[in-house]
Amino acid sequence: MNTSTTSGAPLPASPSGMQPRANHSHPERPVRHSYPLAVEDASLGTALSLVMKTMPYALARFGILLAVSVISIVWYVVTFGGFGFLGSKVHPFAGYLWLFTGMGVYGYFWWTLVRYFLYMLKAGHVAVLTELVTKGQIGAGDEGMFEYGKRVVTERFGQMNAMFALDMLVHGIVRAFNRTLDWIARLLPIPGLQNVVGVVNAIVYSATTFIDETILSYSLARGDEDNFRSSRDGLIYYAQNSKEVLKTGVWIVILDKVATFAAWIVMMVPAMVVVWILPSSWAGVGGFATLVFAGLFAWNLRAAFLEPLFLTMIMVKFHVSVRDQAIDETWDARLSAASDKFVELKNKITGTTPAATTAAVAG
């Protein structure tokens, strides 16, 4: 494997001793990247194949979400049950104190711990998917999937909070840019839906949700020394290919509605059976609890298995679209006009090393 940069200087060694990722970044050329692609088309079959190869990530995410759902139900019963009991038996102040304490503890648990681990898991998944999209295999074959994802992300960004801050910056830029697009309704394949604002917003949301991870994938595939520079170029590439990417967004909305409805049906059938066999005196409470469990389980299925599929569809479409494509710098001005955050991102470009990402975010 070639481990030299385009200038001929050797790439720095990986802290783990593994071979470093090649540098396929050419910020001075019209085509800003030269990374290979192991996929030839952006079909649904390609995306399904990639998701199946990375199924351990989906299963891990499903396990975490399922555990959080069970904990959430227990928290709901304890917090609001305690609120009612203390408020009526002791003092209303004691009830409210219990309620606000419970809400604070749960908020910290979700936003600080669960959200952090889910984001780490997603970042590692993106790294593994990127490797499969560009090379067709994970590393040199002597490293586990989870270990590889964690190592690559850590080497590129140093600290998770730096990558998270960059991700939020990119997300804001994409959301602002997508709001300027006035042709999305024309992508809809069904006559009469062009005037349904909710459908158009769903398409925009589907793209906005997954483009930030796609830009992360582009940065990893390109191997640029400056993550802000590759993110800036990735955003321009998205802007000039937005019509093709958002066509995929249309199919994601359709698949999402159909598959989510199917998941609800599958989960509701056993729920209704349980309600039917419960004693009449229990039917109200038991039936409601069972329906809540079924709904949460269906949501977990969507978040763990469907969202990775939708992300992969957008990611593959992007990589295939930008292959050997020269960048159109006129989009720089359009993005700058659409979003102040894009100007902020450009101002953070240092052109030095990945470690500069942490310093730039901190500044």
Protein backbone atom coordinates (compact mmCIF):
# COMPACT_ATOMS: atom_id res chain seq x y z
CA MET A 1 0.00 0.00 0.00
CA ASN A 2 1.30 3.44 -0.89
CA THR A 3 1.85 5.45 2.31
CA SER A 4 3.22 8.66 0.84
CA THR A 5 1.43 11.93 0.31
CA THR A 6 1.10 13.59 -3.07
CA SER A 7 4.20 15.61 -2.26
CA GLY A 8 6.24 12.48 -1.66
CA ALA A 9 6.61 12.94 2.10
CA PRO A 10 5.68 9.88 4.17
CA LEU A 11 2.43 9.92 6.05
CA PRO A 12 2.67 9.92 9.85
CA ALA A 13 2.47 6.51 11.45
CA SER A 14 -0.75 5.47 13.12
CA PRO A 15 -0.63 5.45 16.94
CA SER A 16 -1.73 1.83 16.85
CA GLY A 17 1.07 0.87 14.51
CA MET A 18 -1.36 0.11 11.70
CA GLN A 19 -0.82 1.38 8.18
CA PRO A 20 -2.11 4.97 7.87
CA ARG A 21 -4.81 5.94 5.41
CA ALA A 22 -3.53 7.20 2.09
CA ASN A 23 -3.87 10.88 1.29
CA HIS A 24 -6.19 11.30 -1.68
CA SER A 25 -6.63 15.04 -1.19
CA HIS A 26 -5.67 17.56 -3.88
CA PRO A 27 -6.91 20.98 -2.76
CA GLU A 28 -4.95 22.70 -5.52
CA ARG A 29 -6.54 20.72 -8.39
CA PRO A 30 -9.97 21.04 -10.04
CA VAL A 31 -10.81 17.49 -8.90
CA ARG A 32 -10.12 17.66 -5.18
CA HIS A 33 -9.86 13.94 -4.50
CA SER A 34 -8.53 10.72 -5.99
CA TYR A 35 -9.78 8.04 -3.60
CA PRO A 36 -10.87 4.76 -5.24
CA LEU A 37 -14.41 3.42 -5.29
CA ALA A 38 -15.31 -0.23 -4.81
CA VAL A 39 -18.96 0.37 -5.74
CA GLU A 40 -20.13 1.02 -9.28
CA ASP A 41 -23.71 2.17 -8.76
CA ALA A 42 -25.87 3.84 -6.13
CA SER A 43 -28.71 1.31 -6.22
CA LEU A 44 -30.79 0.14 -3.28
CA GLY A 45 -29.16 -3.28 -3.64
CA THR A 46 -25.71 -1.75 -3.14
CA ALA A 47 -26.86 0.06 0.00
CA LEU A 48 -28.49 -3.10 1.39
CA SER A 49 -25.33 -5.09 0.77
CA LEU A 50 -23.20 -2.55 2.65
CA VAL A 51 -25.62 -2.43 5.58
CA MET A 52 -25.62 -6.22 5.81
CA LYS A 53 -21.82 -6.23 5.92
CA THR A 54 -21.91 -3.78 8.84
CA MET A 55 -24.84 -5.42 10.66
CA PRO A 56 -22.95 -5.60 14.01
CA TYR A 57 -23.21 -1.79 14.20
CA ALA A 58 -26.97 -1.91 13.62
CA LEU A 59 -27.39 -4.65 16.22
CA ALA A 60 -25.32 -2.70 18.76
CA ARG A 61 -27.41 0.40 18.14
CA PHE A 62 -30.61 -1.62 18.47
CA GLY A 63 -29.45 -3.08 21.77
CA ILE A 64 -28.64 0.35 23.18
CA LEU A 65 -31.92 1.86 22.03
CA LEU A 66 -33.96 -1.08 23.34
CA ALA A 67 -32.27 -0.82 26.74
CA VAL A 68 -32.90 2.93 26.81
CA SER A 69 -36.58 2.34 25.96
CA VAL A 70 -37.01 -0.07 28.87
CA ILE A 71 -35.19 2.32 31.20
CA SER A 72 -37.38 5.17 29.95
CA ILE A 73 -40.56 3.27 30.76
CA VAL A 74 -39.29 2.42 34.25
CA TRP A 75 -38.24 6.07 34.70
CA TYR A 76 -41.68 7.28 33.59
CA VAL A 77 -43.47 5.04 36.09
CA VAL A 78 -41.13 5.88 38.98
CA THR A 79 -40.94 9.63 38.28
CA PHE A 80 -44.60 10.37 37.64
CA GLY A 81 -45.81 7.74 40.09
CA GLY A 82 -43.61 9.26 42.77
CA PHE A 83 -44.82 12.73 41.81
CA GLY A 84 -48.45 11.69 42.30
CA PHE A 85 -47.81 9.77 45.52
CA LEU A 86 -45.64 12.40 47.24
CA GLY A 87 -47.83 15.26 46.04
CA SER A 88 -50.99 13.71 47.50
CA LYS A 89 -49.62 11.89 50.56
CA VAL A 90 -46.80 14.17 51.75
CA HIS A 91 -46.81 17.68 50.25
CA PRO A 92 -47.15 19.15 46.74
CA PHE A 93 -43.66 20.63 47.05
CA ALA A 94 -42.21 17.16 47.69
CA GLY A 95 -43.99 15.88 44.58
CA TYR A 96 -42.62 18.63 42.36
CA LEU A 97 -39.13 18.20 43.83
CA TRP A 98 -39.26 14.50 42.95
CA LEU A 99 -40.55 15.28 39.44
CA PHE A 100 -37.90 17.88 38.57
CA THR A 101 -35.12 15.74 40.06
CA GLY A 102 -36.22 12.77 37.99
CA MET A 103 -36.44 14.85 34.82
CA GLY A 104 -32.99 16.32 35.44
CA VAL A 105 -31.39 12.93 36.01
CA TYR A 106 -32.99 11.50 32.87
CA GLY A 107 -32.00 14.54 30.81
CA TYR A 108 -28.37 14.16 31.91
CA PHE A 109 -28.50 10.41 31.23
CA TRP A 110 -29.81 10.94 27.69
CA TRP A 111 -27.92 14.00 26.48
CA THR A 112 -24.59 13.28 28.12
CA LEU A 113 -24.23 9.51 28.10
CA VAL A 114 -26.62 7.87 25.63
CA ARG A 115 -26.31 10.57 22.96
CA TYR A 116 -22.51 10.50 23.25
CA PHE A 117 -22.25 6.72 22.87
CA LEU A 118 -24.75 6.66 20.01
CA TYR A 119 -22.78 9.36 18.23
CA MET A 120 -19.51 7.48 18.73
CA LEU A 121 -21.18 4.37 17.36
CA LYS A 122 -22.51 6.25 14.33
CA ALA A 123 -19.11 7.84 13.62
CA GLY A 124 -17.43 4.44 13.71
CA HIS A 125 -20.12 3.03 11.45
CA VAL A 126 -19.52 5.85 8.94
CA ALA A 127 -15.78 5.10 9.00
CA VAL A 128 -16.38 1.40 8.31
CA LEU A 129 -18.92 2.13 5.55
CA THR A 130 -16.47 4.55 3.96
CA GLU A 131 -13.78 1.89 3.91
CA LEU A 132 -16.15 -0.58 2.27
CA VAL A 133 -17.32 2.00 -0.29
CA THR A 134 -13.78 2.99 -1.25
CA LYS A 135 -11.82 -0.28 -0.83
CA GLY A 136 -14.34 -3.09 -0.50
CA GLN A 137 -12.81 -4.35 2.74
CA ILE A 138 -12.07 -3.13 6.25
CA GLY A 139 -8.43 -2.21 6.80
CA ALA A 140 -5.96 -5.00 6.23
CA GLY A 141 -8.36 -7.65 7.47
CA ASP A 142 -6.58 -8.14 10.81
CA GLU A 143 -8.61 -5.63 12.83
CA GLY A 144 -12.15 -5.87 14.19
CA MET A 145 -14.93 -3.72 12.79
CA PHE A 146 -15.49 -1.74 15.99
CA GLU A 147 -11.79 -1.32 16.67
CA TYR A 148 -11.18 -0.05 13.16
CA GLY A 149 -14.01 2.48 13.30
CA LYS A 150 -12.89 3.87 16.64
CA ARG A 151 -9.24 4.08 15.58
CA VAL A 152 -9.86 5.86 12.28
CA VAL A 153 -12.18 8.44 13.79
CA THR A 154 -9.81 9.12 16.70
CA GLU A 155 -6.82 9.54 14.39
CA ARG A 156 -8.68 11.95 12.11
CA PHE A 157 -10.29 14.12 14.77
CA GLY A 158 -8.34 13.58 17.98
CA GLN A 159 -11.28 14.30 20.26
CA MET A 160 -14.92 13.32 19.81
CA ASN A 161 -16.18 16.76 20.86
CA ALA A 162 -14.19 18.31 17.99
CA MET A 163 -15.84 16.01 15.46
CA PHE A 164 -19.26 16.59 17.02
CA ALA A 165 -18.82 20.39 16.78
CA LEU A 166 -17.78 20.14 13.12
CA ASP A 167 -20.73 17.85 12.44
CA MET A 168 -23.15 20.39 13.96
CA LEU A 169 -21.58 23.16 11.87
CA VAL A 170 -22.02 21.16 8.66
CA HIS A 171 -25.58 20.24 9.62
CA GLY A 172 -26.49 23.91 10.03
CA ILE A 173 -25.00 24.78 6.64
CA VAL A 174 -26.87 22.00 4.83
CA ARG A 175 -30.14 22.97 6.49
CA ALA A 176 -29.71 26.62 5.46
CA PHE A 177 -28.77 25.68 1.88
CA ASN A 178 -31.68 23.25 1.47
CA ARG A 179 -34.11 25.99 2.47
CA THR A 180 -33.01 27.99 -0.59
CA LEU A 181 -33.94 25.22 -3.05
CA ASP A 182 -37.18 25.90 -4.91
CA TRP A 183 -37.21 22.91 -7.26
CA ILE A 184 -37.53 20.02 -4.78
CA ALA A 185 -41.27 19.60 -5.42
CA ARG A 186 -40.55 18.85 -9.08
CA LEU A 187 -38.64 15.72 -8.03
CA LEU A 188 -41.80 14.07 -6.71
CA PRO A 189 -42.90 11.16 -8.94
CA ILE A 190 -46.59 11.36 -7.99
CA PRO A 191 -48.74 14.12 -9.57
CA GLY A 192 -50.56 16.31 -7.08
CA LEU A 193 -47.98 15.99 -4.29
CA GLN A 194 -45.97 18.97 -5.50
CA ASN A 195 -48.15 21.30 -3.45
CA VAL A 196 -47.98 19.25 -0.24
CA VAL A 197 -45.55 21.19 1.93
CA GLY A 198 -45.13 18.31 4.37
CA VAL A 199 -43.82 15.99 1.65
CA VAL A 200 -41.29 18.57 0.45
CA ASN A 201 -40.16 19.22 4.02
CA ALA A 202 -39.76 15.47 4.58
CA ILE A 203 -37.45 15.23 1.57
CA VAL A 204 -35.38 18.19 2.79
CA TYR A 205 -35.22 16.69 6.26
CA SER A 206 -34.14 13.28 4.97
CA ALA A 207 -31.21 14.84 3.10
CA THR A 208 -30.26 17.22 5.91
CA THR A 209 -30.24 14.35 8.41
CA PHE A 210 -27.68 12.28 6.51
CA ILE A 211 -25.56 14.79 4.60
CA ASP A 212 -23.46 15.76 7.63
CA GLU A 213 -22.44 12.10 8.05
CA THR A 214 -21.83 11.93 4.29
CA ILE A 215 -19.48 14.92 4.50
CA LEU A 216 -17.68 13.09 7.33
CA SER A 217 -17.38 10.09 5.03
CA TYR A 218 -15.97 12.30 2.27
CA SER A 219 -13.39 13.73 4.66
CA LEU A 220 -12.32 10.24 5.75
CA ALA A 221 -12.11 8.94 2.17
CA ARG A 222 -10.15 11.95 0.99
CA GLY A 223 -7.68 11.89 3.88
CA ASP A 224 -7.13 15.65 3.86
CA GLU A 225 -4.79 17.09 6.47
CA ASP A 226 -7.40 19.77 7.24
CA ASN A 227 -10.87 18.49 8.12
CA PHE A 228 -12.40 21.94 7.63
CA ARG A 229 -10.99 22.20 4.11
CA SER A 230 -12.35 18.81 3.08
CA SER A 231 -15.69 19.65 4.70
CA ARG A 232 -15.86 22.91 2.77
CA ASP A 233 -15.16 21.11 -0.51
CA GLY A 234 -17.59 18.34 0.41
CA LEU A 235 -20.35 20.89 0.97
CA ILE A 236 -19.67 22.47 -2.42
CA TYR A 237 -19.77 19.05 -4.04
CA TYR A 238 -23.10 18.40 -2.32
CA ALA A 239 -24.48 21.75 -3.54
CA GLN A 240 -23.53 21.09 -7.16
CA ASN A 241 -24.94 17.55 -6.97
CA SER A 242 -27.90 18.36 -4.72
CA LYS A 243 -30.50 17.47 -7.33
CA GLU A 244 -29.13 13.93 -7.75
CA VAL A 245 -28.73 13.46 -4.00
CA LEU A 246 -32.23 14.74 -3.25
CA LYS A 247 -33.69 12.35 -5.84
CA THR A 248 -32.41 9.64 -3.51
CA GLY A 249 -34.05 11.61 -0.69
CA VAL A 250 -37.42 11.16 -2.43
CA TRP A 251 -37.07 7.39 -2.40
CA ILE A 252 -35.91 7.50 1.21
CA VAL A 253 -39.13 9.27 2.21
CA ILE A 254 -41.20 6.64 0.37
CA LEU A 255 -39.25 3.71 1.82
CA ASP A 256 -39.35 5.27 5.28
CA LYS A 257 -43.14 5.59 5.31
CA VAL A 258 -43.74 2.11 3.92
CA ALA A 259 -41.18 0.32 6.11
CA THR A 260 -42.12 2.22 9.28
CA PHE A 261 -45.80 1.42 8.73
CA ALA A 262 -44.88 -2.23 8.20
CA ALA A 263 -42.87 -2.24 11.44
CA TRP A 264 -45.83 -0.79 13.31
CA ILE A 265 -48.15 -3.45 11.89
CA VAL A 266 -45.75 -6.23 12.83
CA MET A 267 -45.38 -4.91 16.38
CA MET A 268 -49.05 -4.04 16.82
CA VAL A 269 -50.31 -7.51 15.92
CA PRO A 270 -48.80 -9.23 19.00
CA ALA A 271 -49.76 -6.17 21.07
CA MET A 272 -53.43 -6.52 20.11
CA VAL A 273 -53.30 -10.25 20.81
CA VAL A 274 -52.03 -9.53 24.32
CA VAL A 275 -54.79 -6.97 24.84
CA TRP A 276 -57.38 -9.50 23.65
CA ILE A 277 -56.31 -12.22 26.11
CA LEU A 278 -56.02 -9.89 29.12
CA PRO A 279 -58.81 -9.96 31.73
CA SER A 280 -61.39 -7.24 31.19
CA SER A 281 -60.34 -5.50 34.41
CA TRP A 282 -56.76 -5.26 33.13
CA ALA A 283 -57.50 -4.46 29.51
CA GLY A 284 -57.23 -0.68 29.90
CA VAL A 285 -53.85 -0.43 31.66
CA GLY A 286 -52.35 -3.58 30.21
CA GLY A 287 -53.44 -2.76 26.70
CA PHE A 288 -52.02 0.75 26.86
CA ALA A 289 -48.68 -0.47 28.24
CA THR A 290 -48.46 -3.14 25.56
CA LEU A 291 -49.20 -0.64 22.79
CA VAL A 292 -46.53 1.70 24.16
CA PHE A 293 -44.00 -1.15 24.17
CA ALA A 294 -44.93 -2.06 20.60
CA GLY A 295 -44.56 1.56 19.47
CA LEU A 296 -41.16 1.95 21.12
CA PHE A 297 -39.97 -1.35 19.68
CA ALA A 298 -41.04 -0.29 16.18
CA TRP A 299 -39.24 3.06 16.60
CA ASN A 300 -36.11 1.22 17.72
CA LEU A 301 -36.26 -1.02 14.65
CA ARG A 302 -36.43 2.06 12.43
CA ALA A 303 -33.60 3.88 14.18
CA ALA A 304 -31.31 0.84 14.29
CA PHE A 305 -31.88 -0.71 10.86
CA LEU A 306 -33.66 1.70 8.53
CA GLU A 307 -31.68 4.85 9.32
CA PRO A 308 -28.32 3.17 8.51
CA LEU A 309 -29.83 2.04 5.21
CA PHE A 310 -30.98 5.58 4.37
CA LEU A 311 -27.58 6.99 5.37
CA THR A 312 -25.83 4.46 3.15
CA MET A 313 -28.10 5.32 0.21
CA ILE A 314 -27.22 9.03 0.49
CA MET A 315 -23.53 8.32 1.11
CA VAL A 316 -23.11 6.01 -1.88
CA LYS A 317 -25.03 8.40 -4.14
CA PHE A 318 -22.72 11.22 -3.11
CA HIS A 319 -19.49 9.27 -3.65
CA VAL A 320 -20.62 7.97 -7.03
CA SER A 321 -21.75 11.45 -8.11
CA VAL A 322 -18.47 13.20 -7.25
CA ARG A 323 -16.18 10.57 -8.76
CA ASP A 324 -13.65 12.36 -11.02
CA GLN A 325 -15.77 15.52 -10.83
CA ALA A 326 -14.18 18.98 -10.92
CA ILE A 327 -15.36 21.33 -8.22
CA ASP A 328 -17.49 24.34 -9.19
CA GLU A 329 -16.23 27.25 -7.12
CA THR A 330 -19.27 29.40 -7.97
CA TRP A 331 -21.10 27.43 -5.29
CA ASP A 332 -18.74 28.91 -2.69
CA ALA A 333 -20.39 32.31 -3.03
CA ARG A 334 -23.90 30.79 -3.04
CA LEU A 335 -23.25 28.82 0.12
CA SER A 336 -21.66 31.85 1.78
CA ALA A 337 -24.78 33.88 0.96
CA ALA A 338 -27.08 31.13 2.22
CA SER A 339 -25.32 30.45 5.51
CA ASP A 340 -23.06 32.45 7.83
CA LYS A 341 -21.93 29.11 9.23
CA PHE A 342 -20.30 28.30 5.89
CA VAL A 343 -18.23 31.49 6.19
CA GLU A 344 -17.39 30.44 9.75
CA LEU A 345 -16.26 27.03 8.53
CA LYS A 346 -14.03 28.57 5.84
CA ASN A 347 -12.44 30.86 8.43
CA LYS A 348 -11.39 27.79 10.43
CA ILE A 349 -9.42 26.27 7.54
CA THR A 350 -5.78 25.99 8.57
CA GLY A 351 -4.33 23.65 5.94
CA THR A 352 -2.16 21.97 8.55
CA THR A 353 -2.98 18.76 10.43
CA PRO A 354 -6.04 16.93 11.78
CA ALA A 355 -5.06 18.05 15.27
CA ALA A 356 -5.81 21.60 14.19
CA THR A 357 -9.48 20.69 14.09
CA THR A 358 -9.60 20.57 17.88
CA ALA A 359 -7.84 23.92 18.21
CA ALA A 360 -10.02 25.56 15.56
CA VAL A 361 -13.23 24.34 17.17
CA ALA A 362 -12.04 25.51 20.56
CA GLY A 363 -11.30 28.95 19.08
